[in-house]
Structure formats: C-alpha cells, structure tokens
PDB file of all heavy atoms in Angstrom:
ATOM      1  N   VAL A   1     -58.060 -22.369  10.336  1.00  0.00           N
ATOM      2  CA  VAL A   1     -57.358 -21.169  10.774  1.00  0.00           C
ATOM      3  C   VAL A   1     -58.277 -20.141  11.384  1.00  0.00           C
ATOM      4  O   VAL A   1     -57.957 -19.418  12.311  1.00  0.00           O
ATOM      5  CB  VAL A   1     -56.563 -20.594   9.486  1.00  0.00           C
ATOM      6  CG1 VAL A   1     -56.034 -19.198   9.866  1.00  0.00           C
ATOM      7  CG2 VAL A   1     -55.448 -21.461   9.147  1.00  0.00           C
ATOM      8  N   ARG A   2     -59.572 -20.007  10.847  1.00  0.00           N
ATOM      9  CA  ARG A   2     -60.428 -18.943  11.125  1.00  0.00           C
ATOM     10  C   ARG A   2     -61.378 -19.205  12.267  1.00  0.00           C
ATOM     11  O   ARG A   2     -61.985 -18.307  12.827  1.00  0.00           O
ATOM     12  CB  ARG A   2     -61.257 -18.549   9.948  1.00  0.00           C
ATOM     13  CG  ARG A   2     -60.370 -17.879   8.826  1.00  0.00           C
ATOM     14  CD  ARG A   2     -61.270 -17.570   7.665  1.00  0.00           C
ATOM     15  NE  ARG A   2     -60.514 -16.734   6.739  1.00  0.00           N
ATOM     16  CZ  ARG A   2     -60.063 -17.134   5.582  1.00  0.00           C
ATOM     17  NH1 ARG A   2     -60.332 -18.367   5.220  1.00  0.00           N
ATOM     18  NH2 ARG A   2     -59.475 -16.347   4.764  1.00  0.00           N
ATOM     19  N   ILE A   3     -61.727 -20.450  12.531  1.00  0.00           N
ATOM     20  CA  ILE A   3     -62.729 -20.768  13.632  1.00  0.00           C
ATOM     21  C   ILE A   3     -62.045 -20.861  14.942  1.00  0.00           C
ATOM     22  O   ILE A   3     -61.153 -21.707  15.186  1.00  0.00           O
ATOM     23  CB  ILE A   3     -63.501 -22.042  13.242  1.00  0.00           C
ATOM     24  CG1 ILE A   3     -64.321 -21.885  11.992  1.00  0.00           C
ATOM     25  CG2 ILE A   3     -64.384 -22.399  14.398  1.00  0.00           C
ATOM     26  CD1 ILE A   3     -65.059 -23.041  11.561  1.00  0.00           C
ATOM     27  N   PRO A   4     -62.497 -20.033  15.892  1.00  0.00           N
ATOM     28  CA  PRO A   4     -61.924 -20.023  17.225  1.00  0.00           C
ATOM     29  C   PRO A   4     -62.113 -21.435  17.908  1.00  0.00           C
ATOM     30  O   PRO A   4     -63.090 -22.024  17.722  1.00  0.00           O
ATOM     31  CB  PRO A   4     -62.778 -19.024  18.025  1.00  0.00           C
ATOM     32  CG  PRO A   4     -63.329 -18.149  16.955  1.00  0.00           C
ATOM     33  CD  PRO A   4     -63.554 -19.030  15.762  1.00  0.00           C
ATOM     34  N   GLY A   5     -61.048 -21.824  18.642  1.00  0.00           N
ATOM     35  CA  GLY A   5     -61.136 -23.048  19.384  1.00  0.00           C
ATOM     36  C   GLY A   5     -60.615 -24.294  18.695  1.00  0.00           C
ATOM     37  O   GLY A   5     -60.469 -25.380  19.269  1.00  0.00           O
ATOM     38  N   LEU A   6     -60.339 -24.200  17.394  1.00  0.00           N
ATOM     39  CA  LEU A   6     -59.818 -25.388  16.621  1.00  0.00           C
ATOM     40  C   LEU A   6     -58.295 -25.531  16.809  1.00  0.00           C
ATOM     41  O   LEU A   6     -57.838 -26.645  16.500  1.00  0.00           O
ATOM     42  CB  LEU A   6     -60.159 -25.287  15.157  1.00  0.00           C
ATOM     43  CG  LEU A   6     -61.687 -25.268  14.834  1.00  0.00           C
ATOM     44  CD1 LEU A   6     -61.905 -25.255  13.338  1.00  0.00           C
ATOM     45  CD2 LEU A   6     -62.368 -26.520  15.405  1.00  0.00           C
ATOM     46  N   ARG A   7     -57.661 -24.498  17.244  1.00  0.00           N
ATOM     47  CA  ARG A   7     -56.165 -24.577  17.449  1.00  0.00           C
ATOM     48  C   ARG A   7     -55.915 -24.298  18.971  1.00  0.00           C
ATOM     49  O   ARG A   7     -56.649 -23.539  19.610  1.00  0.00           O
ATOM     50  CB  ARG A   7     -55.452 -23.544  16.568  1.00  0.00           C
ATOM     51  CG  ARG A   7     -55.491 -23.961  15.134  1.00  0.00           C
ATOM     52  CD  ARG A   7     -54.848 -22.882  14.202  1.00  0.00           C
ATOM     53  NE  ARG A   7     -55.642 -21.716  14.152  1.00  0.00           N
ATOM     54  CZ  ARG A   7     -55.411 -20.482  14.650  1.00  0.00           C
ATOM     55  NH1 ARG A   7     -54.223 -20.286  15.146  1.00  0.00           N
ATOM     56  NH2 ARG A   7     -56.275 -19.498  14.537  1.00  0.00           N
ATOM     57  N   ARG A   8     -54.758 -24.842  19.413  1.00  0.00           N
ATOM     58  CA  ARG A   8     -54.345 -24.511  20.751  1.00  0.00           C
ATOM     59  C   ARG A   8     -53.955 -23.029  20.823  1.00  0.00           C
ATOM     60  O   ARG A   8     -53.536 -22.449  19.880  1.00  0.00           O
ATOM     61  CB  ARG A   8     -53.092 -25.311  21.117  1.00  0.00           C
ATOM     62  CG  ARG A   8     -53.374 -26.795  21.193  1.00  0.00           C
ATOM     63  CD  ARG A   8     -52.124 -27.493  21.573  1.00  0.00           C
ATOM     64  NE  ARG A   8     -52.274 -28.956  21.381  1.00  0.00           N
ATOM     65  CZ  ARG A   8     -51.250 -29.827  21.368  1.00  0.00           C
ATOM     66  NH1 ARG A   8     -50.014 -29.427  21.473  1.00  0.00           N
ATOM     67  NH2 ARG A   8     -51.524 -31.091  21.229  1.00  0.00           N
ATOM     68  N   PRO A   9     -54.209 -22.320  21.898  1.00  0.00           N
ATOM     69  CA  PRO A   9     -53.982 -20.907  21.967  1.00  0.00           C
ATOM     70  C   PRO A   9     -52.457 -20.562  21.610  1.00  0.00           C
ATOM     71  O   PRO A   9     -51.525 -21.187  22.136  1.00  0.00           O
ATOM     72  CB  PRO A   9     -54.237 -20.529  23.458  1.00  0.00           C
ATOM     73  CG  PRO A   9     -55.237 -21.606  23.894  1.00  0.00           C
ATOM     74  CD  PRO A   9     -54.847 -22.852  23.119  1.00  0.00           C
ATOM     75  N   GLY A  10     -52.338 -19.682  20.673  1.00  0.00           N
ATOM     76  CA  GLY A  10     -50.962 -19.220  20.334  1.00  0.00           C
ATOM     77  C   GLY A  10     -50.263 -20.231  19.482  1.00  0.00           C
ATOM     78  O   GLY A  10     -48.971 -20.115  19.441  1.00  0.00           O
ATOM     79  N   SER A  11     -50.886 -21.212  18.957  1.00  0.00           N
ATOM     80  CA  SER A  11     -50.215 -22.244  18.177  1.00  0.00           C
ATOM     81  C   SER A  11     -50.882 -22.577  16.896  1.00  0.00           C
ATOM     82  O   SER A  11     -52.091 -22.292  16.654  1.00  0.00           O
ATOM     83  CB  SER A  11     -50.174 -23.555  19.144  1.00  0.00           C
ATOM     84  OG  SER A  11     -49.638 -24.668  18.471  1.00  0.00           O
ATOM     85  N   ILE A  12     -50.115 -23.289  16.010  1.00  0.00           N
ATOM     86  CA  ILE A  12     -50.726 -23.845  14.746  1.00  0.00           C
ATOM     87  C   ILE A  12     -51.265 -25.224  14.985  1.00  0.00           C
ATOM     88  O   ILE A  12     -51.988 -25.724  14.183  1.00  0.00           O
ATOM     89  CB  ILE A  12     -49.698 -23.849  13.604  1.00  0.00           C
ATOM     90  CG1 ILE A  12     -48.576 -24.769  13.890  1.00  0.00           C
ATOM     91  CG2 ILE A  12     -49.280 -22.435  13.248  1.00  0.00           C
ATOM     92  CD1 ILE A  12     -47.781 -25.131  12.682  1.00  0.00           C
ATOM     93  N   TRP A  13     -50.897 -25.808  16.142  1.00  0.00           N
ATOM     94  CA  TRP A  13     -51.344 -27.166  16.375  1.00  0.00           C
ATOM     95  C   TRP A  13     -52.746 -27.253  16.842  1.00  0.00           C
ATOM     96  O   TRP A  13     -53.342 -26.405  17.511  1.00  0.00           O
ATOM     97  CB  TRP A  13     -50.416 -27.832  17.474  1.00  0.00           C
ATOM     98  CG  TRP A  13     -48.975 -27.818  17.044  1.00  0.00           C
ATOM     99  CD1 TRP A  13     -47.959 -27.091  17.450  1.00  0.00           C
ATOM    100  CD2 TRP A  13     -48.459 -28.532  15.855  1.00  0.00           C
ATOM    101  NE1 TRP A  13     -46.831 -27.295  16.769  1.00  0.00           N
ATOM    102  CE2 TRP A  13     -47.077 -28.207  15.755  1.00  0.00           C
ATOM    103  CE3 TRP A  13     -49.001 -29.416  15.009  1.00  0.00           C
ATOM    104  CZ2 TRP A  13     -46.281 -28.764  14.796  1.00  0.00           C
ATOM    105  CZ3 TRP A  13     -48.202 -29.984  14.028  1.00  0.00           C
ATOM    106  CH2 TRP A  13     -46.798 -29.606  13.950  1.00  0.00           C
ATOM    107  N   PRO A  14     -53.431 -28.335  16.548  1.00  0.00           N
ATOM    108  CA  PRO A  14     -54.890 -28.473  16.780  1.00  0.00           C
ATOM    109  C   PRO A  14     -55.208 -28.710  18.206  1.00  0.00           C
ATOM    110  O   PRO A  14     -54.469 -29.303  18.927  1.00  0.00           O
ATOM    111  CB  PRO A  14     -55.382 -29.593  15.947  1.00  0.00           C
ATOM    112  CG  PRO A  14     -54.126 -30.466  15.719  1.00  0.00           C
ATOM    113  CD  PRO A  14     -52.951 -29.509  15.754  1.00  0.00           C
ATOM    114  N   SER A  15     -56.390 -28.175  18.613  1.00  0.00           N
ATOM    115  CA  SER A  15     -56.950 -28.478  19.806  1.00  0.00           C
ATOM    116  C   SER A  15     -57.735 -29.823  19.593  1.00  0.00           C
ATOM    117  O   SER A  15     -57.772 -30.355  18.438  1.00  0.00           O
ATOM    118  CB  SER A  15     -57.966 -27.464  20.271  1.00  0.00           C
ATOM    119  OG  SER A  15     -59.057 -27.389  19.350  1.00  0.00           O
ATOM    120  N   GLN A  16     -58.287 -30.375  20.601  1.00  0.00           N
ATOM    121  CA  GLN A  16     -59.064 -31.681  20.454  1.00  0.00           C
ATOM    122  C   GLN A  16     -60.172 -31.437  19.451  1.00  0.00           C
ATOM    123  O   GLN A  16     -60.468 -32.286  18.628  1.00  0.00           O
ATOM    124  CB  GLN A  16     -59.544 -32.172  21.834  1.00  0.00           C
ATOM    125  CG  GLN A  16     -60.068 -33.525  21.739  1.00  0.00           C
ATOM    126  CD  GLN A  16     -59.034 -34.626  21.308  1.00  0.00           C
ATOM    127  OE1 GLN A  16     -57.880 -34.516  21.771  1.00  0.00           O
ATOM    128  NE2 GLN A  16     -59.410 -35.539  20.584  1.00  0.00           N
ATOM    129  N   GLN A  17     -60.812 -30.262  19.588  1.00  0.00           N
ATOM    130  CA  GLN A  17     -61.947 -29.959  18.666  1.00  0.00           C
ATOM    131  C   GLN A  17     -61.469 -29.769  17.195  1.00  0.00           C
ATOM    132  O   GLN A  17     -62.227 -29.926  16.220  1.00  0.00           O
ATOM    133  CB  GLN A  17     -62.648 -28.691  19.120  1.00  0.00           C
ATOM    134  CG  GLN A  17     -63.298 -28.696  20.421  1.00  0.00           C
ATOM    135  CD  GLN A  17     -62.368 -28.543  21.633  1.00  0.00           C
ATOM    136  OE1 GLN A  17     -61.196 -28.195  21.389  1.00  0.00           O
ATOM    137  NE2 GLN A  17     -62.860 -28.677  22.836  1.00  0.00           N
ATOM    138  N   GLY A  18     -60.259 -29.328  16.986  1.00  0.00           N
ATOM    139  CA  GLY A  18     -59.775 -29.030  15.676  1.00  0.00           C
ATOM    140  C   GLY A  18     -59.084 -30.176  14.974  1.00  0.00           C
ATOM    141  O   GLY A  18     -58.708 -30.067  13.805  1.00  0.00           O
ATOM    142  N   LEU A  19     -58.920 -31.306  15.656  1.00  0.00           N
ATOM    143  CA  LEU A  19     -58.154 -32.393  15.111  1.00  0.00           C
ATOM    144  C   LEU A  19     -58.729 -33.004  13.834  1.00  0.00           C
ATOM    145  O   LEU A  19     -58.032 -33.223  12.847  1.00  0.00           O
ATOM    146  CB  LEU A  19     -58.042 -33.547  16.142  1.00  0.00           C
ATOM    147  CG  LEU A  19     -57.015 -34.625  15.896  1.00  0.00           C
ATOM    148  CD1 LEU A  19     -55.596 -33.996  15.686  1.00  0.00           C
ATOM    149  CD2 LEU A  19     -56.994 -35.621  16.990  1.00  0.00           C
ATOM    150  N   GLY A  20     -60.096 -33.041  13.760  1.00  0.00           N
ATOM    151  CA  GLY A  20     -60.684 -33.565  12.552  1.00  0.00           C
ATOM    152  C   GLY A  20     -60.473 -32.730  11.386  1.00  0.00           C
ATOM    153  O   GLY A  20     -60.180 -33.246  10.235  1.00  0.00           O
ATOM    154  N   ILE A  21     -60.491 -31.447  11.517  1.00  0.00           N
ATOM    155  CA  ILE A  21     -60.238 -30.539  10.355  1.00  0.00           C
ATOM    156  C   ILE A  21     -58.722 -30.472  10.017  1.00  0.00           C
ATOM    157  O   ILE A  21     -58.356 -30.353   8.884  1.00  0.00           O
ATOM    158  CB  ILE A  21     -60.869 -29.181  10.539  1.00  0.00           C
ATOM    159  CG1 ILE A  21     -62.389 -29.320  10.583  1.00  0.00           C
ATOM    160  CG2 ILE A  21     -60.461 -28.155   9.509  1.00  0.00           C
ATOM    161  CD1 ILE A  21     -63.186 -28.077  10.799  1.00  0.00           C
ATOM    162  N   ALA A  22     -57.922 -30.437  11.007  1.00  0.00           N
ATOM    163  CA  ALA A  22     -56.486 -30.281  10.841  1.00  0.00           C
ATOM    164  C   ALA A  22     -55.957 -31.474  10.014  1.00  0.00           C
ATOM    165  O   ALA A  22     -55.051 -31.344   9.199  1.00  0.00           O
ATOM    166  CB  ALA A  22     -55.717 -30.268  12.167  1.00  0.00           C
ATOM    167  N   LYS A  23     -56.568 -32.642  10.105  1.00  0.00           N
ATOM    168  CA  LYS A  23     -56.174 -33.826   9.382  1.00  0.00           C
ATOM    169  C   LYS A  23     -56.403 -33.629   7.906  1.00  0.00           C
ATOM    170  O   LYS A  23     -55.825 -34.333   7.111  1.00  0.00           O
ATOM    171  CB  LYS A  23     -56.990 -35.040   9.853  1.00  0.00           C
ATOM    172  CG  LYS A  23     -56.539 -35.513  11.230  1.00  0.00           C
ATOM    173  CD  LYS A  23     -57.378 -36.760  11.632  1.00  0.00           C
ATOM    174  CE  LYS A  23     -57.020 -37.243  13.000  1.00  0.00           C
ATOM    175  NZ  LYS A  23     -57.826 -38.381  13.446  1.00  0.00           N
ATOM    176  N   ASP A  24     -57.235 -32.670   7.543  1.00  0.00           N
ATOM    177  CA  ASP A  24     -57.492 -32.465   6.090  1.00  0.00           C
ATOM    178  C   ASP A  24     -56.232 -31.909   5.308  1.00  0.00           C
ATOM    179  O   ASP A  24     -56.325 -31.765   4.139  1.00  0.00           O
ATOM    180  CB  ASP A  24     -58.698 -31.478   5.873  1.00  0.00           C
ATOM    181  CG  ASP A  24     -60.030 -32.177   6.276  1.00  0.00           C
ATOM    182  OD1 ASP A  24     -60.084 -33.464   6.171  1.00  0.00           O
ATOM    183  OD2 ASP A  24     -60.909 -31.461   6.696  1.00  0.00           O
ATOM    184  N   VAL A  25     -55.138 -31.673   6.048  1.00  0.00           N
ATOM    185  CA  VAL A  25     -54.012 -31.191   5.452  1.00  0.00           C
ATOM    186  C   VAL A  25     -53.438 -32.282   4.474  1.00  0.00           C
ATOM    187  O   VAL A  25     -52.788 -31.952   3.465  1.00  0.00           O
ATOM    188  CB  VAL A  25     -52.873 -30.864   6.489  1.00  0.00           C
ATOM    189  CG1 VAL A  25     -52.326 -32.092   7.127  1.00  0.00           C
ATOM    190  CG2 VAL A  25     -51.752 -30.015   5.868  1.00  0.00           C
ATOM    191  N   TRP A  26     -53.861 -33.532   4.717  1.00  0.00           N
ATOM    192  CA  TRP A  26     -53.442 -34.634   3.755  1.00  0.00           C
ATOM    193  C   TRP A  26     -54.085 -34.452   2.345  1.00  0.00           C
ATOM    194  O   TRP A  26     -53.520 -34.733   1.351  1.00  0.00           O
ATOM    195  CB  TRP A  26     -53.689 -36.022   4.327  1.00  0.00           C
ATOM    196  CG  TRP A  26     -55.146 -36.416   4.413  1.00  0.00           C
ATOM    197  CD1 TRP A  26     -55.911 -36.158   5.559  1.00  0.00           C
ATOM    198  CD2 TRP A  26     -55.936 -37.096   3.492  1.00  0.00           C
ATOM    199  NE1 TRP A  26     -57.204 -36.660   5.255  1.00  0.00           N
ATOM    200  CE2 TRP A  26     -57.236 -37.246   4.043  1.00  0.00           C
ATOM    201  CE3 TRP A  26     -55.690 -37.698   2.230  1.00  0.00           C
ATOM    202  CZ2 TRP A  26     -58.293 -37.835   3.401  1.00  0.00           C
ATOM    203  CZ3 TRP A  26     -56.734 -38.331   1.604  1.00  0.00           C
ATOM    204  CH2 TRP A  26     -57.968 -38.410   2.176  1.00  0.00           C
ATOM    205  N   LEU A  27     -55.347 -33.874   2.389  1.00  0.00           N
ATOM    206  CA  LEU A  27     -55.995 -33.593   1.049  1.00  0.00           C
ATOM    207  C   LEU A  27     -55.166 -32.473   0.346  1.00  0.00           C
ATOM    208  O   LEU A  27     -55.047 -32.561  -0.889  1.00  0.00           O
ATOM    209  CB  LEU A  27     -57.390 -33.089   1.300  1.00  0.00           C
ATOM    210  CG  LEU A  27     -58.392 -34.161   1.818  1.00  0.00           C
ATOM    211  CD1 LEU A  27     -59.739 -33.507   2.145  1.00  0.00           C
ATOM    212  CD2 LEU A  27     -58.597 -35.282   0.788  1.00  0.00           C
ATOM    213  N   ALA A  28     -54.679 -31.449   1.055  1.00  0.00           N
ATOM    214  CA  ALA A  28     -53.976 -30.450   0.469  1.00  0.00           C
ATOM    215  C   ALA A  28     -52.688 -30.967  -0.164  1.00  0.00           C
ATOM    216  O   ALA A  28     -52.269 -30.639  -1.293  1.00  0.00           O
ATOM    217  CB  ALA A  28     -53.697 -29.302   1.407  1.00  0.00           C
ATOM    218  N   GLY A  29     -52.004 -31.872   0.637  1.00  0.00           N
ATOM    219  CA  GLY A  29     -50.784 -32.401   0.127  1.00  0.00           C
ATOM    220  C   GLY A  29     -50.974 -33.299  -1.150  1.00  0.00           C
ATOM    221  O   GLY A  29     -50.218 -33.149  -2.143  1.00  0.00           O
ATOM    222  N   ILE A  30     -52.031 -34.063  -1.191  1.00  0.00           N
ATOM    223  CA  ILE A  30     -52.396 -34.811  -2.443  1.00  0.00           C
ATOM    224  C   ILE A  30     -52.689 -33.899  -3.491  1.00  0.00           C
ATOM    225  O   ILE A  30     -52.211 -34.105  -4.652  1.00  0.00           O
ATOM    226  CB  ILE A  30     -53.482 -35.868  -2.174  1.00  0.00           C
ATOM    227  CG1 ILE A  30     -52.964 -36.924  -1.189  1.00  0.00           C
ATOM    228  CG2 ILE A  30     -53.943 -36.505  -3.401  1.00  0.00           C
ATOM    229  CD1 ILE A  30     -54.135 -37.805  -0.643  1.00  0.00           C
ATOM    230  N   GLY A  31     -53.502 -32.901  -3.271  1.00  0.00           N
ATOM    231  CA  GLY A  31     -53.860 -31.922  -4.305  1.00  0.00           C
ATOM    232  C   GLY A  31     -52.670 -31.226  -4.968  1.00  0.00           C
ATOM    233  O   GLY A  31     -52.545 -31.148  -6.146  1.00  0.00           O
ATOM    234  N   VAL A  32     -51.738 -30.737  -4.078  1.00  0.00           N
ATOM    235  CA  VAL A  32     -50.614 -30.062  -4.613  1.00  0.00           C
ATOM    236  C   VAL A  32     -49.715 -31.080  -5.353  1.00  0.00           C
ATOM    237  O   VAL A  32     -49.155 -30.702  -6.364  1.00  0.00           O
ATOM    238  CB  VAL A  32     -49.796 -29.339  -3.480  1.00  0.00           C
ATOM    239  CG1 VAL A  32     -48.472 -28.862  -3.877  1.00  0.00           C
ATOM    240  CG2 VAL A  32     -50.627 -28.229  -2.919  1.00  0.00           C
ATOM    241  N   GLY A  33     -49.573 -32.285  -4.868  1.00  0.00           N
ATOM    242  CA  GLY A  33     -48.781 -33.251  -5.608  1.00  0.00           C
ATOM    243  C   GLY A  33     -49.366 -33.578  -6.959  1.00  0.00           C
ATOM    244  O   GLY A  33     -48.584 -33.688  -7.939  1.00  0.00           O
ATOM    245  N   LEU A  34     -50.635 -33.747  -7.066  1.00  0.00           N
ATOM    246  CA  LEU A  34     -51.248 -33.969  -8.386  1.00  0.00           C
ATOM    247  C   LEU A  34     -51.119 -32.817  -9.305  1.00  0.00           C
ATOM    248  O   LEU A  34     -50.842 -32.961 -10.499  1.00  0.00           O
ATOM    249  CB  LEU A  34     -52.743 -34.331  -8.168  1.00  0.00           C
ATOM    250  CG  LEU A  34     -53.071 -35.701  -7.581  1.00  0.00           C
ATOM    251  CD1 LEU A  34     -54.490 -35.768  -7.281  1.00  0.00           C
ATOM    252  CD2 LEU A  34     -52.675 -36.843  -8.621  1.00  0.00           C
ATOM    253  N   LEU A  35     -51.299 -31.611  -8.788  1.00  0.00           N
ATOM    254  CA  LEU A  35     -51.160 -30.423  -9.570  1.00  0.00           C
ATOM    255  C   LEU A  35     -49.693 -30.327 -10.092  1.00  0.00           C
ATOM    256  O   LEU A  35     -49.511 -30.059 -11.280  1.00  0.00           O
ATOM    257  CB  LEU A  35     -51.506 -29.175  -8.681  1.00  0.00           C
ATOM    258  CG  LEU A  35     -51.628 -27.836  -9.346  1.00  0.00           C
ATOM    259  CD1 LEU A  35     -52.507 -27.885 -10.504  1.00  0.00           C
ATOM    260  CD2 LEU A  35     -52.047 -26.770  -8.319  1.00  0.00           C
ATOM    261  N   ALA A  36     -48.739 -30.533  -9.213  1.00  0.00           N
ATOM    262  CA  ALA A  36     -47.352 -30.476  -9.659  1.00  0.00           C
ATOM    263  C   ALA A  36     -47.028 -31.507 -10.694  1.00  0.00           C
ATOM    264  O   ALA A  36     -46.297 -31.301 -11.684  1.00  0.00           O
ATOM    265  CB  ALA A  36     -46.370 -30.630  -8.394  1.00  0.00           C
ATOM    266  N   ASP A  37     -47.521 -32.757 -10.463  1.00  0.00           N
ATOM    267  CA  ASP A  37     -47.320 -33.831 -11.413  1.00  0.00           C
ATOM    268  C   ASP A  37     -47.947 -33.521 -12.715  1.00  0.00           C
ATOM    269  O   ASP A  37     -47.425 -33.836 -13.750  1.00  0.00           O
ATOM    270  CB  ASP A  37     -47.870 -35.149 -10.796  1.00  0.00           C
ATOM    271  CG  ASP A  37     -47.239 -36.387 -11.510  1.00  0.00           C
ATOM    272  OD1 ASP A  37     -46.107 -36.387 -11.826  1.00  0.00           O
ATOM    273  OD2 ASP A  37     -48.070 -37.254 -11.837  1.00  0.00           O
ATOM    274  N   GLY A  38     -49.070 -32.860 -12.676  1.00  0.00           N
ATOM    275  CA  GLY A  38     -49.824 -32.588 -13.954  1.00  0.00           C
ATOM    276  C   GLY A  38     -49.184 -31.466 -14.769  1.00  0.00           C
ATOM    277  O   GLY A  38     -49.354 -31.430 -15.991  1.00  0.00           O
ATOM    278  N   VAL A  39     -48.435 -30.559 -14.142  1.00  0.00           N
ATOM    279  CA  VAL A  39     -47.917 -29.405 -14.824  1.00  0.00           C
ATOM    280  C   VAL A  39     -46.420 -29.639 -15.176  1.00  0.00           C
ATOM    281  O   VAL A  39     -45.856 -28.748 -15.877  1.00  0.00           O
ATOM    282  CB  VAL A  39     -48.123 -28.056 -14.152  1.00  0.00           C
ATOM    283  CG1 VAL A  39     -49.612 -27.771 -14.020  1.00  0.00           C
ATOM    284  CG2 VAL A  39     -47.405 -28.019 -12.807  1.00  0.00           C
ATOM    285  N   THR A  40     -45.840 -30.724 -14.705  1.00  0.00           N
ATOM    286  CA  THR A  40     -44.432 -30.994 -15.016  1.00  0.00           C
ATOM    287  C   THR A  40     -44.326 -32.189 -15.970  1.00  0.00           C
ATOM    288  O   THR A  40     -45.233 -33.004 -15.957  1.00  0.00           O
ATOM    289  CB  THR A  40     -43.645 -31.185 -13.777  1.00  0.00           C
ATOM    290  OG1 THR A  40     -44.140 -32.339 -13.045  1.00  0.00           O
ATOM    291  CG2 THR A  40     -43.524 -29.982 -12.872  1.00  0.00           C
ATOM    292  N   ARG A  41     -43.354 -32.246 -16.692  1.00  0.00           N
ATOM    293  CA  ARG A  41     -43.092 -33.398 -17.547  1.00  0.00           C
ATOM    294  C   ARG A  41     -41.974 -34.332 -17.025  1.00  0.00           C
ATOM    295  O   ARG A  41     -41.030 -33.794 -16.349  1.00  0.00           O
ATOM    296  CB  ARG A  41     -42.694 -32.875 -18.948  1.00  0.00           C
ATOM    297  CG  ARG A  41     -43.710 -32.015 -19.602  1.00  0.00           C
ATOM    298  CD  ARG A  41     -43.518 -32.048 -21.052  1.00  0.00           C
ATOM    299  NE  ARG A  41     -44.447 -31.085 -21.720  1.00  0.00           N
ATOM    300  CZ  ARG A  41     -45.653 -31.482 -22.147  1.00  0.00           C
ATOM    301  NH1 ARG A  41     -45.990 -32.701 -22.114  1.00  0.00           N
ATOM    302  NH2 ARG A  41     -46.422 -30.624 -22.789  1.00  0.00           N
TER     303      ARG A  41
END
C-alpha cells in the first residue's frame, strides 16, 4: 500500500512491480483463518 509504483495508478490492483508483494495476501488469508479457527469452538 505504501511503496509507490507497486499498484496501478488510482487502483488497488498491482502493477508488474507489485505483483510479488500483492500475492502475499494469501498469507493474510491463512493467518486470519487460523486465528478465527483458534478462537472459535
């Protein structure tokens, strides 16, 4: 979000340079899933 050039201008979608970091969203999804699984019964 903070480094210029990683997203297409005016968009949340990645530029070619930002694709590698944008893919890390899968880590966030797994983390939130584990967290939710761990705090629910």
